Amino acid sequence: MTKDGEPFVGKSHGEDFTRVTFIPDLDKFKMSELEDDIIALMSKRAYDVAGATKGVKVYLNGKLLPVRIIMIKFGLFENSSM
């Protein structure tokens, strides 16, 4: 949060997409690793985005989160809203 670098914008080979990655500044918060509750919070946010955003694929740790499909199956979203 105190250091920033130049963004990397690479050439696309295939579908258009946006990848967002980050490296936490553990020293800033006097941590040696991310705590489980912080990882759980970040994971929840990824699921929130996957469930609330149509037309995007959300991956967490390299795995696709099929949240919208599950929500439609259980009647939390109408299929036409996808």
PDB file of N, CA and C in Angstrom:
ATOM      1  N   MET A   1       0.811  -1.182   0.000  1.00  0.00           N
ATOM      2  CA  MET A   1       0.000   0.000   0.000  1.00  0.00           C
ATOM      3  C   MET A   1       0.858   1.251   0.000  1.00  0.00           C
ATOM      4  N   THR A   2       2.127   1.076   0.275  1.00  0.00           N
ATOM      5  CA  THR A   2       3.005   2.240   0.239  1.00  0.00           C
ATOM      6  C   THR A   2       3.857   2.260  -1.006  1.00  0.00           C
ATOM      7  N   LYS A   3       3.976   1.120  -1.667  1.00  0.00           N
ATOM      8  CA  LYS A   3       4.797   1.035  -2.867  1.00  0.00           C
ATOM      9  C   LYS A   3       3.890   0.684  -4.035  1.00  0.00           C
ATOM     10  N   ASP A   4       4.135   1.330  -5.130  1.00  0.00           N
ATOM     11  CA  ASP A   4       3.419   0.933  -6.326  1.00  0.00           C
ATOM     12  C   ASP A   4       4.419   0.813  -7.453  1.00  0.00           C
ATOM     13  N   GLY A   5       4.034   0.100  -8.436  1.00  0.00           N
ATOM     14  CA  GLY A   5       4.897  -0.084  -9.589  1.00  0.00           C
ATOM     15  C   GLY A   5       4.117   0.216 -10.846  1.00  0.00           C
ATOM     16  N   GLU A   6       4.800   0.143 -11.942  1.00  0.00           N
ATOM     17  CA  GLU A   6       4.147   0.359 -13.222  1.00  0.00           C
ATOM     18  C   GLU A   6       3.220  -0.819 -13.504  1.00  0.00           C
ATOM     19  N   PRO A   7       2.017  -0.555 -13.979  1.00  0.00           N
ATOM     20  CA  PRO A   7       1.123  -1.665 -14.320  1.00  0.00           C
ATOM     21  C   PRO A   7       1.670  -2.426 -15.517  1.00  0.00           C
ATOM     22  N   PHE A   8       1.387  -3.703 -15.550  1.00  0.00           N
ATOM     23  CA  PHE A   8       1.783  -4.529 -16.675  1.00  0.00           C
ATOM     24  C   PHE A   8       0.556  -4.731 -17.546  1.00  0.00           C
ATOM     25  N   VAL A   9       0.659  -4.335 -18.788  1.00  0.00           N
ATOM     26  CA  VAL A   9      -0.406  -4.557 -19.759  1.00  0.00           C
ATOM     27  C   VAL A   9       0.195  -5.387 -20.873  1.00  0.00           C
ATOM     28  N   GLY A  10      -0.244  -6.637 -20.964  1.00  0.00           N
ATOM     29  CA  GLY A  10       0.322  -7.549 -21.949  1.00  0.00           C
ATOM     30  C   GLY A  10      -0.574  -7.695 -23.160  1.00  0.00           C
ATOM     31  N   LYS A  11      -0.022  -8.280 -24.195  1.00  0.00           N
ATOM     32  CA  LYS A  11      -0.777  -8.551 -25.415  1.00  0.00           C
ATOM     33  C   LYS A  11      -1.764  -9.671 -25.150  1.00  0.00           C
ATOM     34  N   SER A  12      -2.940  -9.545 -25.726  1.00  0.00           N
ATOM     35  CA  SER A  12      -3.965 -10.566 -25.580  1.00  0.00           C
ATOM     36  C   SER A  12      -3.829 -11.575 -26.707  1.00  0.00           C
ATOM     37  N   HIS A  13      -3.897 -12.831 -26.343  1.00  0.00           N
ATOM     38  CA  HIS A  13      -3.861 -13.907 -27.334  1.00  0.00           C
ATOM     39  C   HIS A  13      -5.118 -14.744 -27.139  1.00  0.00           C
ATOM     40  N   GLY A  14      -6.211 -14.305 -27.715  1.00  0.00           N
ATOM     41  CA  GLY A  14      -7.471 -15.021 -27.545  1.00  0.00           C
ATOM     42  C   GLY A  14      -8.542 -14.072 -27.059  1.00  0.00           C
ATOM     43  N   GLU A  15      -9.375 -14.577 -26.151  1.00  0.00           N
ATOM     44  CA  GLU A  15     -10.482 -13.781 -25.629  1.00  0.00           C
ATOM     45  C   GLU A  15      -9.984 -12.575 -24.842  1.00  0.00           C
ATOM     46  N   ASP A  16     -10.790 -11.513 -24.879  1.00  0.00           N
ATOM     47  CA  ASP A  16     -10.497 -10.354 -24.044  1.00  0.00           C
ATOM     48  C   ASP A  16     -10.829 -10.690 -22.599  1.00  0.00           C
ATOM     49  N   PHE A  17      -9.987 -10.274 -21.699  1.00  0.00           N
ATOM     50  CA  PHE A  17     -10.265 -10.478 -20.290  1.00  0.00           C
ATOM     51  C   PHE A  17      -9.425  -9.520 -19.471  1.00  0.00           C
ATOM     52  N   THR A  18      -9.798  -9.382 -18.231  1.00  0.00           N
ATOM     53  CA  THR A  18      -9.032  -8.580 -17.288  1.00  0.00           C
ATOM     54  C   THR A  18      -8.625  -9.474 -16.137  1.00  0.00           C
ATOM     55  N   ARG A  19      -7.361  -9.482 -15.822  1.00  0.00           N
ATOM     56  CA  ARG A  19      -6.857 -10.251 -14.688  1.00  0.00           C
ATOM     57  C   ARG A  19      -6.374  -9.264 -13.643  1.00  0.00           C
ATOM     58  N   VAL A  20      -6.845  -9.453 -12.435  1.00  0.00           N
ATOM     59  CA  VAL A  20      -6.425  -8.600 -11.332  1.00  0.00           C
ATOM     60  C   VAL A  20      -5.663  -9.464 -10.336  1.00  0.00           C
ATOM     61  N   THR A  21      -4.437  -9.079 -10.059  1.00  0.00           N
ATOM     62  CA  THR A  21      -3.624  -9.787  -9.070  1.00  0.00           C
ATOM     63  C   THR A  21      -3.007  -8.760  -8.138  1.00  0.00           C
ATOM     64  N   PHE A  22      -2.581  -9.233  -6.992  1.00  0.00           N
ATOM     65  CA  PHE A  22      -1.902  -8.333  -6.073  1.00  0.00           C
ATOM     66  C   PHE A  22      -0.959  -9.132  -5.186  1.00  0.00           C
ATOM     67  N   ILE A  23      -0.009  -8.441  -4.644  1.00  0.00           N
ATOM     68  CA  ILE A  23       0.899  -9.015  -3.652  1.00  0.00           C
ATOM     69  C   ILE A  23       0.745  -8.167  -2.400  1.00  0.00           C
ATOM     70  N   PRO A  24       0.226  -8.758  -1.328  1.00  0.00           N
ATOM     71  CA  PRO A  24       0.002  -7.955  -0.120  1.00  0.00           C
ATOM     72  C   PRO A  24       1.316  -7.488   0.499  1.00  0.00           C
ATOM     73  N   ASP A  25       1.292  -6.301   1.059  1.00  0.00           N
ATOM     74  CA  ASP A  25       2.454  -5.726   1.738  1.00  0.00           C
ATOM     75  C   ASP A  25       2.432  -6.194   3.192  1.00  0.00           C
ATOM     76  N   LEU A  26       2.908  -7.411   3.421  1.00  0.00           N
ATOM     77  CA  LEU A  26       2.847  -8.006   4.755  1.00  0.00           C
ATOM     78  C   LEU A  26       3.668  -7.226   5.770  1.00  0.00           C
ATOM     79  N   ASP A  27       4.782  -6.672   5.347  1.00  0.00           N
ATOM     80  CA  ASP A  27       5.613  -5.884   6.265  1.00  0.00           C
ATOM     81  C   ASP A  27       4.854  -4.686   6.819  1.00  0.00           C
ATOM     82  N   LYS A  28       4.045  -4.069   5.982  1.00  0.00           N
ATOM     83  CA  LYS A  28       3.272  -2.894   6.398  1.00  0.00           C
ATOM     84  C   LYS A  28       2.404  -3.208   7.615  1.00  0.00           C
ATOM     85  N   PHE A  29       1.865  -4.425   7.641  1.00  0.00           N
ATOM     86  CA  PHE A  29       0.973  -4.825   8.724  1.00  0.00           C
ATOM     87  C   PHE A  29       1.654  -5.749   9.732  1.00  0.00           C
ATOM     88  N   LYS A  30       2.978  -5.803   9.645  1.00  0.00           N
ATOM     89  CA  LYS A  30       3.775  -6.619  10.569  1.00  0.00           C
ATOM     90  C   LYS A  30       3.284  -8.069  10.601  1.00  0.00           C
ATOM     91  N   MET A  31       3.138  -8.622   9.409  1.00  0.00           N
ATOM     92  CA  MET A  31       2.674 -10.002   9.264  1.00  0.00           C
ATOM     93  C   MET A  31       3.706 -10.786   8.470  1.00  0.00           C
ATOM     94  N   SER A  32       3.780 -12.084   8.728  1.00  0.00           N
ATOM     95  CA  SER A  32       4.655 -12.938   7.932  1.00  0.00           C
ATOM     96  C   SER A  32       3.862 -13.687   6.866  1.00  0.00           C
ATOM     97  N   GLU A  33       2.555 -13.821   7.084  1.00  0.00           N
ATOM     98  CA  GLU A  33       1.670 -14.449   6.106  1.00  0.00           C
ATOM     99  C   GLU A  33       0.253 -13.947   6.346  1.00  0.00           C
ATOM    100  N   LEU A  34      -0.600 -14.144   5.359  1.00  0.00           N
ATOM    101  CA  LEU A  34      -1.997 -13.743   5.517  1.00  0.00           C
ATOM    102  C   LEU A  34      -2.683 -14.687   6.500  1.00  0.00           C
ATOM    103  N   GLU A  35      -3.442 -14.116   7.402  1.00  0.00           N
ATOM    104  CA  GLU A  35      -4.158 -14.923   8.385  1.00  0.00           C
ATOM    105  C   GLU A  35      -5.395 -15.542   7.744  1.00  0.00           C
ATOM    106  N   ASP A  36      -5.867 -16.625   8.342  1.00  0.00           N
ATOM    107  CA  ASP A  36      -7.008 -17.358   7.787  1.00  0.00           C
ATOM    108  C   ASP A  36      -8.249 -16.488   7.633  1.00  0.00           C
ATOM    109  N   ASP A  37      -8.500 -15.591   8.592  1.00  0.00           N
ATOM    110  CA  ASP A  37      -9.705 -14.763   8.493  1.00  0.00           C
ATOM    111  C   ASP A  37      -9.617 -13.767   7.339  1.00  0.00           C
ATOM    112  N   ILE A  38      -8.427 -13.299   7.037  1.00  0.00           N
ATOM    113  CA  ILE A  38      -8.250 -12.386   5.903  1.00  0.00           C
ATOM    114  C   ILE A  38      -8.443 -13.139   4.593  1.00  0.00           C
ATOM    115  N   ILE A  39      -7.894 -14.343   4.511  1.00  0.00           N
ATOM    116  CA  ILE A  39      -8.072 -15.170   3.318  1.00  0.00           C
ATOM    117  C   ILE A  39      -9.553 -15.493   3.131  1.00  0.00           C
ATOM    118  N   ALA A  40     -10.255 -15.804   4.222  1.00  0.00           N
ATOM    119  CA  ALA A  40     -11.689 -16.095   4.142  1.00  0.00           C
ATOM    120  C   ALA A  40     -12.464 -14.878   3.646  1.00  0.00           C
ATOM    121  N   LEU A  41     -12.100 -13.691   4.120  1.00  0.00           N
ATOM    122  CA  LEU A  41     -12.777 -12.471   3.681  1.00  0.00           C
ATOM    123  C   LEU A  41     -12.551 -12.226   2.188  1.00  0.00           C
ATOM    124  N   MET A  42     -11.317 -12.383   1.729  1.00  0.00           N
ATOM    125  CA  MET A  42     -11.026 -12.188   0.308  1.00  0.00           C
ATOM    126  C   MET A  42     -11.754 -13.226  -0.544  1.00  0.00           C
ATOM    127  N   SER A  43     -11.820 -14.455  -0.052  1.00  0.00           N
ATOM    128  CA  SER A  43     -12.539 -15.508  -0.774  1.00  0.00           C
ATOM    129  C   SER A  43     -14.020 -15.176  -0.862  1.00  0.00           C
ATOM    130  N   LYS A  44     -14.598 -14.693   0.231  1.00  0.00           N
ATOM    131  CA  LYS A  44     -16.009 -14.312   0.230  1.00  0.00           C
ATOM    132  C   LYS A  44     -16.269 -13.215  -0.791  1.00  0.00           C
ATOM    133  N   ARG A  45     -15.372 -12.260  -0.877  1.00  0.00           N
ATOM    134  CA  ARG A  45     -15.546 -11.177  -1.850  1.00  0.00           C
ATOM    135  C   ARG A  45     -15.528 -11.725  -3.277  1.00  0.00           C
ATOM    136  N   ALA A  46     -14.666 -12.710  -3.546  1.00  0.00           N
ATOM    137  CA  ALA A  46     -14.632 -13.321  -4.878  1.00  0.00           C
ATOM    138  C   ALA A  46     -15.964 -14.010  -5.171  1.00  0.00           C
ATOM    139  N   TYR A  47     -16.517 -14.724  -4.190  1.00  0.00           N
ATOM    140  CA  TYR A  47     -17.821 -15.366  -4.364  1.00  0.00           C
ATOM    141  C   TYR A  47     -18.923 -14.330  -4.543  1.00  0.00           C
ATOM    142  N   ASP A  48     -18.843 -13.220  -3.812  1.00  0.00           N
ATOM    143  CA  ASP A  48     -19.825 -12.141  -3.971  1.00  0.00           C
ATOM    144  C   ASP A  48     -19.832 -11.622  -5.405  1.00  0.00           C
ATOM    145  N   VAL A  49     -18.652 -11.390  -5.952  1.00  0.00           N
ATOM    146  CA  VAL A  49     -18.544 -10.895  -7.330  1.00  0.00           C
ATOM    147  C   VAL A  49     -19.071 -11.945  -8.302  1.00  0.00           C
ATOM    148  N   ALA A  50     -18.705 -13.202  -8.090  1.00  0.00           N
ATOM    149  CA  ALA A  50     -19.159 -14.271  -8.982  1.00  0.00           C
ATOM    150  C   ALA A  50     -20.675 -14.401  -8.966  1.00  0.00           C
ATOM    151  N   GLY A  51     -21.285 -14.211  -7.806  1.00  0.00           N
ATOM    152  CA  GLY A  51     -22.728 -14.347  -7.696  1.00  0.00           C
ATOM    153  C   GLY A  51     -23.502 -13.141  -8.178  1.00  0.00           C
ATOM    154  N   ALA A  52     -22.904 -11.983  -8.123  1.00  0.00           N
ATOM    155  CA  ALA A  52     -23.629 -10.747  -8.420  1.00  0.00           C
ATOM    156  C   ALA A  52     -23.346 -10.176  -9.799  1.00  0.00           C
ATOM    157  N   THR A  53     -22.435 -10.753 -10.532  1.00  0.00           N
ATOM    158  CA  THR A  53     -22.019 -10.182 -11.807  1.00  0.00           C
ATOM    159  C   THR A  53     -22.301 -11.166 -12.927  1.00  0.00           C
ATOM    160  N   LYS A  54     -23.124 -10.744 -13.878  1.00  0.00           N
ATOM    161  CA  LYS A  54     -23.410 -11.638 -14.995  1.00  0.00           C
ATOM    162  C   LYS A  54     -22.407 -11.406 -16.117  1.00  0.00           C
ATOM    163  N   GLY A  55     -22.168 -12.455 -16.879  1.00  0.00           N
ATOM    164  CA  GLY A  55     -21.313 -12.337 -18.045  1.00  0.00           C
ATOM    165  C   GLY A  55     -19.822 -12.360 -17.762  1.00  0.00           C
ATOM    166  N   VAL A  56     -19.442 -12.711 -16.535  1.00  0.00           N
ATOM    167  CA  VAL A  56     -18.019 -12.805 -16.220  1.00  0.00           C
ATOM    168  C   VAL A  56     -17.737 -14.158 -15.577  1.00  0.00           C
ATOM    169  N   LYS A  57     -16.516 -14.599 -15.703  1.00  0.00           N
ATOM    170  CA  LYS A  57     -16.059 -15.807 -15.026  1.00  0.00           C
ATOM    171  C   LYS A  57     -15.097 -15.361 -13.940  1.00  0.00           C
ATOM    172  N   VAL A  58     -15.352 -15.807 -12.732  1.00  0.00           N
ATOM    173  CA  VAL A  58     -14.498 -15.443 -11.609  1.00  0.00           C
ATOM    174  C   VAL A  58     -13.745 -16.689 -11.166  1.00  0.00           C
ATOM    175  N   TYR A  59     -12.435 -16.557 -11.082  1.00  0.00           N
ATOM    176  CA  TYR A  59     -11.581 -17.651 -10.639  1.00  0.00           C
ATOM    177  C   TYR A  59     -10.962 -17.281  -9.304  1.00  0.00           C
ATOM    178  N   LEU A  60     -10.832 -18.264  -8.442  1.00  0.00           N
ATOM    179  CA  LEU A  60     -10.155 -18.090  -7.165  1.00  0.00           C
ATOM    180  C   LEU A  60      -9.136 -19.205  -7.045  1.00  0.00           C
ATOM    181  N   ASN A  61      -7.886 -18.831  -6.915  1.00  0.00           N
ATOM    182  CA  ASN A  61      -6.795 -19.805  -6.844  1.00  0.00           C
ATOM    183  C   ASN A  61      -6.821 -20.775  -8.020  1.00  0.00           C
ATOM    184  N   GLY A  62      -7.124 -20.241  -9.208  1.00  0.00           N
ATOM    185  CA  GLY A  62      -7.096 -21.038 -10.427  1.00  0.00           C
ATOM    186  C   GLY A  62      -8.341 -21.861 -10.693  1.00  0.00           C
ATOM    187  N   LYS A  63      -9.353 -21.781  -9.819  1.00  0.00           N
ATOM    188  CA  LYS A  63     -10.574 -22.567  -9.998  1.00  0.00           C
ATOM    189  C   LYS A  63     -11.756 -21.642 -10.274  1.00  0.00           C
ATOM    190  N   LEU A  64     -12.545 -22.019 -11.292  1.00  0.00           N
ATOM    191  CA  LEU A  64     -13.731 -21.254 -11.650  1.00  0.00           C
ATOM    192  C   LEU A  64     -14.770 -21.366 -10.540  1.00  0.00           C
ATOM    193  N   LEU A  65     -15.354 -20.236 -10.169  1.00  0.00           N
ATOM    194  CA  LEU A  65     -16.424 -20.222  -9.168  1.00  0.00           C
ATOM    195  C   LEU A  65     -17.766 -20.226  -9.903  1.00  0.00           C
ATOM    196  N   PRO A  66     -18.487 -21.366  -9.925  1.00  0.00           N
ATOM    197  CA  PRO A  66     -19.748 -21.462 -10.674  1.00  0.00           C
ATOM    198  C   PRO A  66     -20.945 -20.992  -9.855  1.00  0.00           C
ATOM    199  N   VAL A  67     -20.807 -19.898  -9.168  1.00  0.00           N
ATOM    200  CA  VAL A  67     -21.807 -19.440  -8.210  1.00  0.00           C
ATOM    201  C   VAL A  67     -23.135 -19.119  -8.869  1.00  0.00           C
ATOM    202  N   ARG A  68     -23.145 -18.425  -9.988  1.00  0.00           N
ATOM    203  CA  ARG A  68     -24.421 -18.033 -10.619  1.00  0.00           C
ATOM    204  C   ARG A  68     -25.218 -19.263 -11.032  1.00  0.00           C
ATOM    205  N   ILE A  69     -24.549 -20.290 -11.516  1.00  0.00           N
ATOM    206  CA  ILE A  69     -25.242 -21.523 -11.907  1.00  0.00           C
ATOM    207  C   ILE A  69     -25.913 -22.141 -10.684  1.00  0.00           C
ATOM    208  N   ILE A  70     -25.216 -22.179  -9.573  1.00  0.00           N
ATOM    209  CA  ILE A  70     -25.772 -22.728  -8.334  1.00  0.00           C
ATOM    210  C   ILE A  70     -26.946 -21.878  -7.854  1.00  0.00           C
ATOM    211  N   MET A  71     -26.811 -20.562  -7.933  1.00  0.00           N
ATOM    212  CA  MET A  71     -27.879 -19.670  -7.477  1.00  0.00           C
ATOM    213  C   MET A  71     -29.131 -19.836  -8.332  1.00  0.00           C
ATOM    214  N   ILE A  72     -28.974 -20.031  -9.631  1.00  0.00           N
ATOM    215  CA  ILE A  72     -30.120 -20.268 -10.511  1.00  0.00           C
ATOM    216  C   ILE A  72     -30.774 -21.600 -10.151  1.00  0.00           C
ATOM    217  N   LYS A  73     -29.951 -22.617  -9.925  1.00  0.00           N
ATOM    218  CA  LYS A  73     -30.465 -23.947  -9.588  1.00  0.00           C
ATOM    219  C   LYS A  73     -31.341 -23.903  -8.340  1.00  0.00           C
ATOM    220  N   PHE A  74     -30.964 -23.115  -7.369  1.00  0.00           N
ATOM    221  CA  PHE A  74     -31.719 -23.034  -6.126  1.00  0.00           C
ATOM    222  C   PHE A  74     -32.746 -21.902  -6.127  1.00  0.00           C
ATOM    223  N   GLY A  75     -32.968 -21.295  -7.295  1.00  0.00           N
ATOM    224  CA  GLY A  75     -34.015 -20.297  -7.431  1.00  0.00           C
ATOM    225  C   GLY A  75     -33.674 -18.931  -6.873  1.00  0.00           C
ATOM    226  N   LEU A  76     -32.401 -18.663  -6.657  1.00  0.00           N
ATOM    227  CA  LEU A  76     -32.005 -17.362  -6.135  1.00  0.00           C
ATOM    228  C   LEU A  76     -31.897 -16.320  -7.239  1.00  0.00           C
ATOM    229  N   PHE A  77     -31.762 -16.776  -8.484  1.00  0.00           N
ATOM    230  CA  PHE A  77     -31.762 -15.906  -9.654  1.00  0.00           C
ATOM    231  C   PHE A  77     -32.620 -16.567 -10.714  1.00  0.00           C
ATOM    232  N   GLU A  78     -33.262 -15.776 -11.517  1.00  0.00           N
ATOM    233  CA  GLU A  78     -33.978 -16.298 -12.673  1.00  0.00           C
ATOM    234  C   GLU A  78     -32.961 -16.554 -13.774  1.00  0.00           C
ATOM    235  N   ASN A  79     -33.142 -17.615 -14.529  1.00  0.00           N
ATOM    236  CA  ASN A  79     -32.219 -17.950 -15.610  1.00  0.00           C
ATOM    237  C   ASN A  79     -32.134 -16.826 -16.632  1.00  0.00           C
ATOM    238  N   SER A  80     -33.220 -16.109 -16.860  1.00  0.00           N
ATOM    239  CA  SER A  80     -33.221 -15.043 -17.861  1.00  0.00           C
ATOM    240  C   SER A  80     -32.363 -13.853 -17.444  1.00  0.00           C
ATOM    241  N   SER A  81     -32.011 -13.764 -16.166  1.00  0.00           N
ATOM    242  CA  SER A  81     -31.216 -12.620 -15.714  1.00  0.00           C
ATOM    243  C   SER A  81     -29.735 -12.797 -15.989  1.00  0.00           C
ATOM    244  N   MET A  82     -29.328 -13.956 -16.482  1.00  0.00           N
ATOM    245  CA  MET A  82     -27.908 -14.183 -16.744  1.00  0.00           C
ATOM    246  C   MET A  82     -27.480 -13.479 -17.968  1.00  0.00           C
TER     247      MET A  82
END
